[in-house]
Amino acid sequence: MNSQSTQPNHNQIYCFVCKKTKYPHDFSSSQFKKATEGNLYRSSTYIRQHKPTCKKCTAPATSRLTCKHCDKSKPSTEFSKKQRKSEENACCLKCFQKLQKEDLSDYDDSDDDSYDDSD
């Protein structure tokens, strides 16, 4: 009787999506690290352990996004990390810089007489 078939290998990691025990090369380096270090994280009031997912079960990274301002489809590298997280509201770096310049020019108070310092 082969005892190896019934006992899981201690070098393997359990994928919580496909519910299979797999080898480390089936996981990304970050998933492997989180699984082997037993990282705990706080979610609202609960402390939870990370549940690793293998490469096949992990969604692929978005390679292109559409900017909500210029309406152009661009590579994800032309968006900040924060903008990549909200695909439907993503604003490319060029448009974001233009918007910031417009906002700064709107707040130019050199000709603003609303503040009276005549006390």
PDB file of N, CA and C in Angstrom:
ATOM      1  N   MET A   1       0.846  -1.185   0.000  1.00  0.00           N
ATOM      2  CA  MET A   1       0.000   0.000   0.000  1.00  0.00           C
ATOM      3  C   MET A   1       0.882   1.235   0.000  1.00  0.00           C
ATOM      4  N   ASN A   2       0.593   2.183  -0.878  1.00  0.00           N
ATOM      5  CA  ASN A   2       1.390   3.383  -1.036  1.00  0.00           C
ATOM      6  C   ASN A   2       0.879   4.478  -0.106  1.00  0.00           C
ATOM      7  N   SER A   3       1.682   4.836   0.907  1.00  0.00           N
ATOM      8  CA  SER A   3       1.243   5.836   1.881  1.00  0.00           C
ATOM      9  C   SER A   3       1.375   7.256   1.349  1.00  0.00           C
ATOM     10  N   GLN A   4       2.154   7.463   0.283  1.00  0.00           N
ATOM     11  CA  GLN A   4       2.322   8.804  -0.267  1.00  0.00           C
ATOM     12  C   GLN A   4       1.063   9.311  -0.948  1.00  0.00           C
ATOM     13  N   SER A   5       0.242   8.466  -1.487  1.00  0.00           N
ATOM     14  CA  SER A   5      -0.954   8.899  -2.199  1.00  0.00           C
ATOM     15  C   SER A   5      -2.024   9.444  -1.256  1.00  0.00           C
ATOM     16  N   THR A   6      -2.041   8.986  -0.005  1.00  0.00           N
ATOM     17  CA  THR A   6      -3.057   9.465   0.926  1.00  0.00           C
ATOM     18  C   THR A   6      -2.598  10.663   1.749  1.00  0.00           C
ATOM     19  N   GLN A   7      -1.318  10.844   1.901  1.00  0.00           N
ATOM     20  CA  GLN A   7      -0.778  11.944   2.708  1.00  0.00           C
ATOM     21  C   GLN A   7      -0.327  13.083   1.800  1.00  0.00           C
ATOM     22  N   PRO A   8      -0.748  14.359   2.079  1.00  0.00           N
ATOM     23  CA  PRO A   8      -0.289  15.478   1.257  1.00  0.00           C
ATOM     24  C   PRO A   8       1.186  15.759   1.515  1.00  0.00           C
ATOM     25  N   ASN A   9       1.877  16.178   0.488  1.00  0.00           N
ATOM     26  CA  ASN A   9       3.281  16.536   0.579  1.00  0.00           C
ATOM     27  C   ASN A   9       3.384  17.867   1.324  1.00  0.00           C
ATOM     28  N   HIS A  10       4.313  17.980   2.277  1.00  0.00           N
ATOM     29  CA  HIS A  10       4.436  19.200   3.075  1.00  0.00           C
ATOM     30  C   HIS A  10       5.031  20.348   2.279  1.00  0.00           C
ATOM     31  N   ASN A  11       5.564  20.087   1.096  1.00  0.00           N
ATOM     32  CA  ASN A  11       6.103  21.133   0.241  1.00  0.00           C
ATOM     33  C   ASN A  11       5.031  21.728  -0.665  1.00  0.00           C
ATOM     34  N   GLN A  12       3.816  21.270  -0.544  1.00  0.00           N
ATOM     35  CA  GLN A  12       2.734  21.748  -1.392  1.00  0.00           C
ATOM     36  C   GLN A  12       1.843  22.741  -0.647  1.00  0.00           C
ATOM     37  N   ILE A  13       1.108  23.526  -1.433  1.00  0.00           N
ATOM     38  CA  ILE A  13       0.227  24.563  -0.881  1.00  0.00           C
ATOM     39  C   ILE A  13      -1.181  24.328  -1.396  1.00  0.00           C
ATOM     40  N   TYR A  14      -2.147  24.599  -0.557  1.00  0.00           N
ATOM     41  CA  TYR A  14      -3.555  24.403  -0.903  1.00  0.00           C
ATOM     42  C   TYR A  14      -4.115  25.662  -1.559  1.00  0.00           C
ATOM     43  N   CYS A  15      -4.729  25.529  -2.737  1.00  0.00           N
ATOM     44  CA  CYS A  15      -5.395  26.639  -3.420  1.00  0.00           C
ATOM     45  C   CYS A  15      -6.848  26.660  -2.955  1.00  0.00           C
ATOM     46  N   PHE A  16      -7.285  27.805  -2.441  1.00  0.00           N
ATOM     47  CA  PHE A  16      -8.627  27.902  -1.888  1.00  0.00           C
ATOM     48  C   PHE A  16      -9.707  28.112  -2.945  1.00  0.00           C
ATOM     49  N   VAL A  17      -9.318  28.290  -4.209  1.00  0.00           N
ATOM     50  CA  VAL A  17     -10.308  28.459  -5.270  1.00  0.00           C
ATOM     51  C   VAL A  17     -10.612  27.126  -5.932  1.00  0.00           C
ATOM     52  N   CYS A  18      -9.576  26.451  -6.444  1.00  0.00           N
ATOM     53  CA  CYS A  18      -9.800  25.163  -7.110  1.00  0.00           C
ATOM     54  C   CYS A  18      -9.818  23.992  -6.128  1.00  0.00           C
ATOM     55  N   LYS A  19      -9.493  24.288  -4.871  1.00  0.00           N
ATOM     56  CA  LYS A  19      -9.543  23.288  -3.803  1.00  0.00           C
ATOM     57  C   LYS A  19      -8.583  22.123  -4.042  1.00  0.00           C
ATOM     58  N   LYS A  20      -7.392  22.457  -4.582  1.00  0.00           N
ATOM     59  CA  LYS A  20      -6.388  21.419  -4.846  1.00  0.00           C
ATOM     60  C   LYS A  20      -5.074  21.798  -4.170  1.00  0.00           C
ATOM     61  N   THR A  21      -4.312  20.781  -3.820  1.00  0.00           N
ATOM     62  CA  THR A  21      -2.983  20.986  -3.266  1.00  0.00           C
ATOM     63  C   THR A  21      -1.996  20.970  -4.424  1.00  0.00           C
ATOM     64  N   LYS A  22      -1.192  22.038  -4.517  1.00  0.00           N
ATOM     65  CA  LYS A  22      -0.301  22.191  -5.663  1.00  0.00           C
ATOM     66  C   LYS A  22       1.118  22.522  -5.216  1.00  0.00           C
ATOM     67  N   TYR A  23       2.038  22.432  -6.163  1.00  0.00           N
ATOM     68  CA  TYR A  23       3.447  22.726  -5.893  1.00  0.00           C
ATOM     69  C   TYR A  23       3.695  24.240  -5.886  1.00  0.00           C
ATOM     70  N   PRO A  24       4.753  24.685  -5.216  1.00  0.00           N
ATOM     71  CA  PRO A  24       5.055  26.120  -5.123  1.00  0.00           C
ATOM     72  C   PRO A  24       5.158  26.838  -6.469  1.00  0.00           C
ATOM     73  N   HIS A  25       5.650  26.166  -7.522  1.00  0.00           N
ATOM     74  CA  HIS A  25       5.780  26.827  -8.820  1.00  0.00           C
ATOM     75  C   HIS A  25       4.425  27.140  -9.460  1.00  0.00           C
ATOM     76  N   ASP A  26       3.354  26.602  -8.909  1.00  0.00           N
ATOM     77  CA  ASP A  26       2.010  26.891  -9.409  1.00  0.00           C
ATOM     78  C   ASP A  26       1.437  28.183  -8.821  1.00  0.00           C
ATOM     79  N   PHE A  27       2.193  28.822  -7.940  1.00  0.00           N
ATOM     80  CA  PHE A  27       1.754  30.052  -7.281  1.00  0.00           C
ATOM     81  C   PHE A  27       2.689  31.201  -7.621  1.00  0.00           C
ATOM     82  N   SER A  28       2.166  32.425  -7.620  1.00  0.00           N
ATOM     83  CA  SER A  28       3.042  33.584  -7.823  1.00  0.00           C
ATOM     84  C   SER A  28       3.934  33.728  -6.593  1.00  0.00           C
ATOM     85  N   SER A  29       4.999  34.495  -6.733  1.00  0.00           N
ATOM     86  CA  SER A  29       5.931  34.647  -5.608  1.00  0.00           C
ATOM     87  C   SER A  29       5.253  35.313  -4.410  1.00  0.00           C
ATOM     88  N   SER A  30       4.351  36.263  -4.659  1.00  0.00           N
ATOM     89  CA  SER A  30       3.678  36.928  -3.531  1.00  0.00           C
ATOM     90  C   SER A  30       2.683  35.983  -2.853  1.00  0.00           C
ATOM     91  N   GLN A  31       1.958  35.190  -3.644  1.00  0.00           N
ATOM     92  CA  GLN A  31       1.020  34.225  -3.059  1.00  0.00           C
ATOM     93  C   GLN A  31       1.776  33.161  -2.265  1.00  0.00           C
ATOM     94  N   PHE A  32       2.899  32.719  -2.804  1.00  0.00           N
ATOM     95  CA  PHE A  32       3.712  31.717  -2.119  1.00  0.00           C
ATOM     96  C   PHE A  32       4.238  32.274  -0.792  1.00  0.00           C
ATOM     97  N   LYS A  33       4.729  33.496  -0.829  1.00  0.00           N
ATOM     98  CA  LYS A  33       5.266  34.124   0.376  1.00  0.00           C
ATOM     99  C   LYS A  33       4.190  34.273   1.449  1.00  0.00           C
ATOM    100  N   LYS A  34       3.018  34.749   1.058  1.00  0.00           N
ATOM    101  CA  LYS A  34       1.921  34.915   2.017  1.00  0.00           C
ATOM    102  C   LYS A  34       1.486  33.574   2.606  1.00  0.00           C
ATOM    103  N   ALA A  35       1.488  32.541   1.776  1.00  0.00           N
ATOM    104  CA  ALA A  35       1.061  31.216   2.238  1.00  0.00           C
ATOM    105  C   ALA A  35       2.066  30.598   3.203  1.00  0.00           C
ATOM    106  N   THR A  36       3.348  30.757   2.897  1.00  0.00           N
ATOM    107  CA  THR A  36       4.366  30.111   3.726  1.00  0.00           C
ATOM    108  C   THR A  36       4.657  30.878   5.008  1.00  0.00           C
ATOM    109  N   GLU A  37       4.463  32.186   4.990  1.00  0.00           N
ATOM    110  CA  GLU A  37       4.707  32.968   6.209  1.00  0.00           C
ATOM    111  C   GLU A  37       3.503  32.963   7.131  1.00  0.00           C
ATOM    112  N   GLY A  38       2.365  32.502   6.627  1.00  0.00           N
ATOM    113  CA  GLY A  38       1.165  32.459   7.459  1.00  0.00           C
ATOM    114  C   GLY A  38       0.699  33.850   7.866  1.00  0.00           C
ATOM    115  N   ASN A  39       0.746  34.791   6.910  1.00  0.00           N
ATOM    116  CA  ASN A  39       0.356  36.173   7.209  1.00  0.00           C
ATOM    117  C   ASN A  39      -1.089  36.277   7.671  1.00  0.00           C
ATOM    118  N   LEU A  40      -1.271  37.031   8.712  1.00  0.00           N
ATOM    119  CA  LEU A  40      -2.607  37.347   9.200  1.00  0.00           C
ATOM    120  C   LEU A  40      -2.889  38.793   8.850  1.00  0.00           C
ATOM    121  N   TYR A  41      -4.143  39.103   8.523  1.00  0.00           N
ATOM    122  CA  TYR A  41      -4.492  40.488   8.240  1.00  0.00           C
ATOM    123  C   TYR A  41      -5.825  40.810   8.906  1.00  0.00           C
ATOM    124  N   ARG A  42      -6.026  42.072   9.180  1.00  0.00           N
ATOM    125  CA  ARG A  42      -7.246  42.512   9.859  1.00  0.00           C
ATOM    126  C   ARG A  42      -8.260  42.950   8.812  1.00  0.00           C
ATOM    127  N   SER A  43      -9.444  42.393   8.890  1.00  0.00           N
ATOM    128  CA  SER A  43     -10.548  42.757   8.016  1.00  0.00           C
ATOM    129  C   SER A  43     -11.702  43.168   8.910  1.00  0.00           C
ATOM    130  N   SER A  44     -11.979  44.454   8.978  1.00  0.00           N
ATOM    131  CA  SER A  44     -12.946  45.063   9.899  1.00  0.00           C
ATOM    132  C   SER A  44     -12.611  44.642  11.328  1.00  0.00           C
ATOM    133  N   THR A  45     -13.395  43.780  11.914  1.00  0.00           N
ATOM    134  CA  THR A  45     -13.140  43.396  13.302  1.00  0.00           C
ATOM    135  C   THR A  45     -12.540  41.994  13.427  1.00  0.00           C
ATOM    136  N   TYR A  46     -12.314  41.337  12.306  1.00  0.00           N
ATOM    137  CA  TYR A  46     -11.820  39.963  12.339  1.00  0.00           C
ATOM    138  C   TYR A  46     -10.353  39.903  11.922  1.00  0.00           C
ATOM    139  N   ILE A  47      -9.647  38.944  12.451  1.00  0.00           N
ATOM    140  CA  ILE A  47      -8.287  38.670  12.005  1.00  0.00           C
ATOM    141  C   ILE A  47      -8.354  37.405  11.177  1.00  0.00           C
ATOM    142  N   ARG A  48      -7.891  37.514   9.928  1.00  0.00           N
ATOM    143  CA  ARG A  48      -8.002  36.390   8.997  1.00  0.00           C
ATOM    144  C   ARG A  48      -6.637  35.983   8.481  1.00  0.00           C
ATOM    145  N   GLN A  49      -6.561  34.745   8.067  1.00  0.00           N
ATOM    146  CA  GLN A  49      -5.331  34.242   7.458  1.00  0.00           C
ATOM    147  C   GLN A  49      -5.494  34.319   5.945  1.00  0.00           C
ATOM    148  N   HIS A  50      -4.406  34.642   5.264  1.00  0.00           N
ATOM    149  CA  HIS A  50      -4.428  34.744   3.802  1.00  0.00           C
ATOM    150  C   HIS A  50      -4.770  33.387   3.196  1.00  0.00           C
ATOM    151  N   LYS A  51      -5.617  33.385   2.171  1.00  0.00           N
ATOM    152  CA  LYS A  51      -6.003  32.158   1.475  1.00  0.00           C
ATOM    153  C   LYS A  51      -5.414  32.217   0.075  1.00  0.00           C
ATOM    154  N   PRO A  52      -4.293  31.519  -0.144  1.00  0.00           N
ATOM    155  CA  PRO A  52      -3.607  31.613  -1.443  1.00  0.00           C
ATOM    156  C   PRO A  52      -4.403  31.015  -2.596  1.00  0.00           C
ATOM    157  N   THR A  53      -4.180  31.607  -3.778  1.00  0.00           N
ATOM    158  CA  THR A  53      -4.776  31.090  -5.008  1.00  0.00           C
ATOM    159  C   THR A  53      -3.660  30.839  -6.012  1.00  0.00           C
ATOM    160  N   CYS A  54      -3.774  29.742  -6.741  1.00  0.00           N
ATOM    161  CA  CYS A  54      -2.744  29.391  -7.720  1.00  0.00           C
ATOM    162  C   CYS A  54      -2.829  30.306  -8.941  1.00  0.00           C
ATOM    163  N   LYS A  55      -1.828  30.223  -9.808  1.00  0.00           N
ATOM    164  CA  LYS A  55      -1.765  31.085 -10.996  1.00  0.00           C
ATOM    165  C   LYS A  55      -2.964  30.884 -11.914  1.00  0.00           C
ATOM    166  N   LYS A  56      -3.428  29.645 -12.038  1.00  0.00           N
ATOM    167  CA  LYS A  56      -4.571  29.365 -12.921  1.00  0.00           C
ATOM    168  C   LYS A  56      -5.866  29.973 -12.390  1.00  0.00           C
ATOM    169  N   CYS A  57      -5.985  30.092 -11.073  1.00  0.00           N
ATOM    170  CA  CYS A  57      -7.213  30.616 -10.466  1.00  0.00           C
ATOM    171  C   CYS A  57      -7.174  32.122 -10.236  1.00  0.00           C
ATOM    172  N   THR A  58      -6.009  32.736 -10.373  1.00  0.00           N
ATOM    173  CA  THR A  58      -5.864  34.166 -10.167  1.00  0.00           C
ATOM    174  C   THR A  58      -6.207  34.897 -11.453  1.00  0.00           C
ATOM    175  N   ALA A  59      -7.001  35.951 -11.344  1.00  0.00           N
ATOM    176  CA  ALA A  59      -7.379  36.728 -12.524  1.00  0.00           C
ATOM    177  C   ALA A  59      -6.151  37.383 -13.136  1.00  0.00           C
ATOM    178  N   PRO A  60      -6.083  37.433 -14.462  1.00  0.00           N
ATOM    179  CA  PRO A  60      -4.921  38.063 -15.096  1.00  0.00           C
ATOM    180  C   PRO A  60      -4.940  39.575 -14.887  1.00  0.00           C
ATOM    181  N   ALA A  61      -3.772  40.170 -14.922  1.00  0.00           N
ATOM    182  CA  ALA A  61      -3.662  41.613 -14.769  1.00  0.00           C
ATOM    183  C   ALA A  61      -4.230  42.291 -16.012  1.00  0.00           C
ATOM    184  N   THR A  62      -4.891  43.407 -15.794  1.00  0.00           N
ATOM    185  CA  THR A  62      -5.441  44.164 -16.906  1.00  0.00           C
ATOM    186  C   THR A  62      -4.297  44.844 -17.640  1.00  0.00           C
ATOM    187  N   SER A  63      -4.188  44.595 -18.930  1.00  0.00           N
ATOM    188  CA  SER A  63      -3.080  45.161 -19.681  1.00  0.00           C
ATOM    189  C   SER A  63      -3.424  46.504 -20.315  1.00  0.00           C
ATOM    190  N   ARG A  64      -4.721  46.753 -20.554  1.00  0.00           N
ATOM    191  CA  ARG A  64      -5.147  48.018 -21.136  1.00  0.00           C
ATOM    192  C   ARG A  64      -6.344  48.561 -20.374  1.00  0.00           C
ATOM    193  N   LEU A  65      -6.381  49.882 -20.272  1.00  0.00           N
ATOM    194  CA  LEU A  65      -7.492  50.575 -19.623  1.00  0.00           C
ATOM    195  C   LEU A  65      -7.956  51.709 -20.522  1.00  0.00           C
ATOM    196  N   THR A  66      -9.191  52.138 -20.336  1.00  0.00           N
ATOM    197  CA  THR A  66      -9.709  53.277 -21.074  1.00  0.00           C
ATOM    198  C   THR A  66      -9.823  54.458 -20.126  1.00  0.00           C
ATOM    199  N   CYS A  67      -9.211  55.565 -20.518  1.00  0.00           N
ATOM    200  CA  CYS A  67      -9.237  56.770 -19.696  1.00  0.00           C
ATOM    201  C   CYS A  67     -10.640  57.373 -19.754  1.00  0.00           C
ATOM    202  N   LYS A  68     -11.180  57.746 -18.595  1.00  0.00           N
ATOM    203  CA  LYS A  68     -12.545  58.295 -18.558  1.00  0.00           C
ATOM    204  C   LYS A  68     -12.594  59.739 -19.061  1.00  0.00           C
ATOM    205  N   HIS A  69     -11.444  60.394 -19.207  1.00  0.00           N
ATOM    206  CA  HIS A  69     -11.429  61.784 -19.663  1.00  0.00           C
ATOM    207  C   HIS A  69     -11.165  61.905 -21.163  1.00  0.00           C
ATOM    208  N   CYS A  70     -10.118  61.257 -21.665  1.00  0.00           N
ATOM    209  CA  CYS A  70      -9.811  61.361 -23.093  1.00  0.00           C
ATOM    210  C   CYS A  70     -10.443  60.226 -23.901  1.00  0.00           C
ATOM    211  N   ASP A  71     -11.019  59.241 -23.216  1.00  0.00           N
ATOM    212  CA  ASP A  71     -11.721  58.121 -23.848  1.00  0.00           C
ATOM    213  C   ASP A  71     -10.829  57.273 -24.752  1.00  0.00           C
ATOM    214  N   LYS A  72      -9.527  57.251 -24.467  1.00  0.00           N
ATOM    215  CA  LYS A  72      -8.594  56.457 -25.255  1.00  0.00           C
ATOM    216  C   LYS A  72      -8.192  55.209 -24.481  1.00  0.00           C
ATOM    217  N   SER A  73      -8.033  54.116 -25.219  1.00  0.00           N
ATOM    218  CA  SER A  73      -7.553  52.883 -24.617  1.00  0.00           C
ATOM    219  C   SER A  73      -6.030  52.930 -24.609  1.00  0.00           C
ATOM    220  N   LYS A  74      -5.445  52.782 -23.426  1.00  0.00           N
ATOM    221  CA  LYS A  74      -3.994  52.900 -23.271  1.00  0.00           C
ATOM    222  C   LYS A  74      -3.466  51.737 -22.437  1.00  0.00           C
ATOM    223  N   PRO A  75      -2.150  51.463 -22.543  1.00  0.00           N
ATOM    224  CA  PRO A  75      -1.557  50.413 -21.693  1.00  0.00           C
ATOM    225  C   PRO A  75      -1.655  50.791 -20.221  1.00  0.00           C
ATOM    226  N   SER A  76      -1.767  49.808 -19.377  1.00  0.00           N
ATOM    227  CA  SER A  76      -1.926  50.076 -17.941  1.00  0.00           C
ATOM    228  C   SER A  76      -0.739  50.818 -17.347  1.00  0.00           C
ATOM    229  N   THR A  77       0.408  50.779 -18.023  1.00  0.00           N
ATOM    230  CA  THR A  77       1.588  51.494 -17.519  1.00  0.00           C
ATOM    231  C   THR A  77       1.416  53.008 -17.604  1.00  0.00           C
ATOM    232  N   GLU A  78       0.436  53.478 -18.365  1.00  0.00           N
ATOM    233  CA  GLU A  78       0.180  54.915 -18.484  1.00  0.00           C
ATOM    234  C   GLU A  78      -0.824  55.409 -17.442  1.00  0.00           C
ATOM    235  N   PHE A  79      -1.109  54.554 -16.456  1.00  0.00           N
ATOM    236  CA  PHE A  79      -2.014  54.890 -15.363  1.00  0.00           C
ATOM    237  C   PHE A  79      -1.281  54.677 -14.044  1.00  0.00           C
ATOM    238  N   SER A  80      -1.620  55.466 -13.040  1.00  0.00           N
ATOM    239  CA  SER A  80      -1.015  55.247 -11.724  1.00  0.00           C
ATOM    240  C   SER A  80      -1.584  53.969 -11.129  1.00  0.00           C
ATOM    241  N   LYS A  81      -0.914  53.437 -10.126  1.00  0.00           N
ATOM    242  CA  LYS A  81      -1.388  52.207  -9.484  1.00  0.00           C
ATOM    243  C   LYS A  81      -2.781  52.394  -8.900  1.00  0.00           C
ATOM    244  N   LYS A  82      -3.014  53.541  -8.322  1.00  0.00           N
ATOM    245  CA  LYS A  82      -4.323  53.820  -7.727  1.00  0.00           C
ATOM    246  C   LYS A  82      -5.412  53.841  -8.793  1.00  0.00           C
ATOM    247  N   GLN A  83      -5.112  54.428  -9.938  1.00  0.00           N
ATOM    248  CA  GLN A  83      -6.089  54.499 -11.024  1.00  0.00           C
ATOM    249  C   GLN A  83      -6.359  53.121 -11.631  1.00  0.00           C
ATOM    250  N   ARG A  84      -5.362  52.255 -11.636  1.00  0.00           N
ATOM    251  CA  ARG A  84      -5.543  50.909 -12.197  1.00  0.00           C
ATOM    252  C   ARG A  84      -6.522  50.079 -11.375  1.00  0.00           C
ATOM    253  N   LYS A  85      -6.671  50.421 -10.114  1.00  0.00           N
ATOM    254  CA  LYS A  85      -7.541  49.635  -9.239  1.00  0.00           C
ATOM    255  C   LYS A  85      -9.021  49.890  -9.524  1.00  0.00           C
ATOM    256  N   SER A  86      -9.355  51.073 -10.038  1.00  0.00           N
ATOM    257  CA  SER A  86     -10.752  51.360 -10.361  1.00  0.00           C
ATOM    258  C   SER A  86     -10.870  51.539 -11.870  1.00  0.00           C
ATOM    259  N   GLU A  87     -11.024  50.438 -12.571  1.00  0.00           N
ATOM    260  CA  GLU A  87     -11.020  50.441 -14.034  1.00  0.00           C
ATOM    261  C   GLU A  87     -12.079  51.359 -14.631  1.00  0.00           C
ATOM    262  N   GLU A  88     -13.266  51.408 -14.044  1.00  0.00           N
ATOM    263  CA  GLU A  88     -14.347  52.206 -14.624  1.00  0.00           C
ATOM    264  C   GLU A  88     -14.134  53.710 -14.435  1.00  0.00           C
ATOM    265  N   ASN A  89     -13.307  54.114 -13.493  1.00  0.00           N
ATOM    266  CA  ASN A  89     -13.031  55.526 -13.242  1.00  0.00           C
ATOM    267  C   ASN A  89     -11.576  55.897 -13.486  1.00  0.00           C
ATOM    268  N   ALA A  90     -10.859  55.084 -14.245  1.00  0.00           N
ATOM    269  CA  ALA A  90      -9.427  55.299 -14.448  1.00  0.00           C
ATOM    270  C   ALA A  90      -9.164  56.554 -15.277  1.00  0.00           C
ATOM    271  N   CYS A  91      -8.162  57.299 -14.843  1.00  0.00           N
ATOM    272  CA  CYS A  91      -7.740  58.518 -15.529  1.00  0.00           C
ATOM    273  C   CYS A  91      -6.239  58.375 -15.813  1.00  0.00           C
ATOM    274  N   CYS A  92      -5.835  58.514 -17.083  1.00  0.00           N
ATOM    275  CA  CYS A  92      -4.428  58.324 -17.437  1.00  0.00           C
ATOM    276  C   CYS A  92      -3.571  59.433 -16.827  1.00  0.00           C
ATOM    277  N   LEU A  93      -2.266  59.205 -16.784  1.00  0.00           N
ATOM    278  CA  LEU A  93      -1.352  60.164 -16.155  1.00  0.00           C
ATOM    279  C   LEU A  93      -1.376  61.524 -16.847  1.00  0.00           C
ATOM    280  N   LYS A  94      -1.453  61.551 -18.183  1.00  0.00           N
ATOM    281  CA  LYS A  94      -1.492  62.826 -18.908  1.00  0.00           C
ATOM    282  C   LYS A  94      -2.737  63.630 -18.550  1.00  0.00           C
ATOM    283  N   CYS A  95      -3.883  62.992 -18.560  1.00  0.00           N
ATOM    284  CA  CYS A  95      -5.127  63.697 -18.217  1.00  0.00           C
ATOM    285  C   CYS A  95      -5.118  64.123 -16.752  1.00  0.00           C
ATOM    286  N   PHE A  96      -4.581  63.269 -15.902  1.00  0.00           N
ATOM    287  CA  PHE A  96      -4.522  63.590 -14.478  1.00  0.00           C
ATOM    288  C   PHE A  96      -3.675  64.843 -14.250  1.00  0.00           C
ATOM    289  N   GLN A  97      -2.542  64.930 -14.950  1.00  0.00           N
ATOM    290  CA  GLN A  97      -1.682  66.113 -14.826  1.00  0.00           C
ATOM    291  C   GLN A  97      -2.381  67.362 -15.355  1.00  0.00           C
ATOM    292  N   LYS A  98      -3.104  67.220 -16.470  1.00  0.00           N
ATOM    293  CA  LYS A  98      -3.865  68.359 -17.014  1.00  0.00           C
ATOM    294  C   LYS A  98      -4.927  68.821 -16.029  1.00  0.00           C
ATOM    295  N   LEU A  99      -5.623  67.869 -15.422  1.00  0.00           N
ATOM    296  CA  LEU A  99      -6.667  68.213 -14.450  1.00  0.00           C
ATOM    297  C   LEU A  99      -6.080  68.928 -13.243  1.00  0.00           C
ATOM    298  N   GLN A 100      -4.912  68.484 -12.796  1.00  0.00           N
ATOM    299  CA  GLN A 100      -4.274  69.137 -11.653  1.00  0.00           C
ATOM    300  C   GLN A 100      -3.874  70.566 -11.997  1.00  0.00           C
ATOM    301  N   LYS A 101      -3.362  70.782 -13.195  1.00  0.00           N
ATOM    302  CA  LYS A 101      -2.985  72.138 -13.614  1.00  0.00           C
ATOM    303  C   LYS A 101      -4.213  73.039 -13.696  1.00  0.00           C
ATOM    304  N   GLU A 102      -5.334  72.495 -14.211  1.00  0.00           N
ATOM    305  CA  GLU A 102      -6.574  73.269 -14.292  1.00  0.00           C
ATOM    306  C   GLU A 102      -7.079  73.617 -12.901  1.00  0.00           C
ATOM    307  N   ASP A 103      -6.994  72.664 -11.981  1.00  0.00           N
ATOM    308  CA  ASP A 103      -7.443  72.915 -10.610  1.00  0.00           C
ATOM    309  C   ASP A 103      -6.596  74.002  -9.960  1.00  0.00           C
ATOM    310  N   LEU A 104      -5.294  73.977 -10.191  1.00  0.00           N
ATOM    311  CA  LEU A 104      -4.411  74.989  -9.613  1.00  0.00           C
ATOM    312  C   LEU A 104      -4.699  76.362 -10.190  1.00  0.00           C
ATOM    313  N   SER A 105      -4.999  76.437 -11.477  1.00  0.00           N
ATOM    314  CA  SER A 105      -5.297  77.735 -12.075  1.00  0.00           C
ATOM    315  C   SER A 105      -6.652  78.257 -11.611  1.00  0.00           C
ATOM    316  N   ASP A 106      -7.563  77.378 -11.264  1.00  0.00           N
ATOM    317  CA  ASP A 106      -8.863  77.801 -10.724  1.00  0.00           C
ATOM    318  C   ASP A 106      -8.717  78.444  -9.353  1.00  0.00           C
ATOM    319  N   TYR A 107      -7.698  78.058  -8.622  1.00  0.00           N
ATOM    320  CA  TYR A 107      -7.498  78.581  -7.270  1.00  0.00           C
ATOM    321  C   TYR A 107      -6.470  79.702  -7.213  1.00  0.00           C
ATOM    322  N   ASP A 108      -6.144  80.277  -8.341  1.00  0.00           N
ATOM    323  CA  ASP A 108      -5.216  81.412  -8.373  1.00  0.00           C
ATOM    324  C   ASP A 108      -5.928  82.603  -7.739  1.00  0.00           C
ATOM    325  N   ASP A 109      -5.479  83.039  -6.573  1.00  0.00           N
ATOM    326  CA  ASP A 109      -6.176  84.084  -5.827  1.00  0.00           C
ATOM    327  C   ASP A 109      -5.484  85.445  -5.915  1.00  0.00           C
ATOM    328  N   SER A 110      -4.677  85.651  -6.939  1.00  0.00           N
ATOM    329  CA  SER A 110      -3.972  86.929  -7.054  1.00  0.00           C
ATOM    330  C   SER A 110      -4.936  88.085  -7.298  1.00  0.00           C
ATOM    331  N   ASP A 111      -6.085  87.824  -7.953  1.00  0.00           N
ATOM    332  CA  ASP A 111      -7.051  88.895  -8.189  1.00  0.00           C
ATOM    333  C   ASP A 111      -8.303  88.720  -7.339  1.00  0.00           C
ATOM    334  N   ASP A 112      -8.220  87.956  -6.284  1.00  0.00           N
ATOM    335  CA  ASP A 112      -9.347  87.702  -5.407  1.00  0.00           C
ATOM    336  C   ASP A 112      -9.435  88.791  -4.346  1.00  0.00           C
ATOM    337  N   ASP A 113     -10.517  89.569  -4.355  1.00  0.00           N
ATOM    338  CA  ASP A 113     -10.707  90.654  -3.387  1.00  0.00           C
ATOM    339  C   ASP A 113     -11.675  90.278  -2.278  1.00  0.00           C
ATOM    340  N   SER A 114     -11.992  88.992  -2.178  1.00  0.00           N
ATOM    341  CA  SER A 114     -12.968  88.597  -1.160  1.00  0.00           C
ATOM    342  C   SER A 114     -12.414  88.670   0.247  1.00  0.00           C
ATOM    343  N   TYR A 115     -11.115  88.637   0.398  1.00  0.00           N
ATOM    344  CA  TYR A 115     -10.500  88.716   1.714  1.00  0.00           C
ATOM    345  C   TYR A 115     -10.068  90.150   1.979  1.00  0.00           C
ATOM    346  N   ASP A 116     -10.611  90.745   3.006  1.00  0.00           N
ATOM    347  CA  ASP A 116     -10.317  92.144   3.301  1.00  0.00           C
ATOM    348  C   ASP A 116      -9.442  92.187   4.534  1.00  0.00           C
ATOM    349  N   ASP A 117      -8.276  92.763   4.413  1.00  0.00           N
ATOM    350  CA  ASP A 117      -7.308  92.839   5.515  1.00  0.00           C
ATOM    351  C   ASP A 117      -7.158  94.275   6.000  1.00  0.00           C
ATOM    352  N   SER A 118      -8.274  94.992   6.053  1.00  0.00           N
ATOM    353  CA  SER A 118      -8.214  96.417   6.406  1.00  0.00           C
ATOM    354  C   SER A 118      -8.583  96.702   7.865  1.00  0.00           C
ATOM    355  N   ASP A 119      -8.484  95.795   8.747  1.00  0.00           N
ATOM    356  CA  ASP A 119      -8.842  96.016  10.147  1.00  0.00           C
ATOM    357  C   ASP A 119      -7.905  96.906  10.846  1.00  0.00           C
TER     358      ASP A 119
END
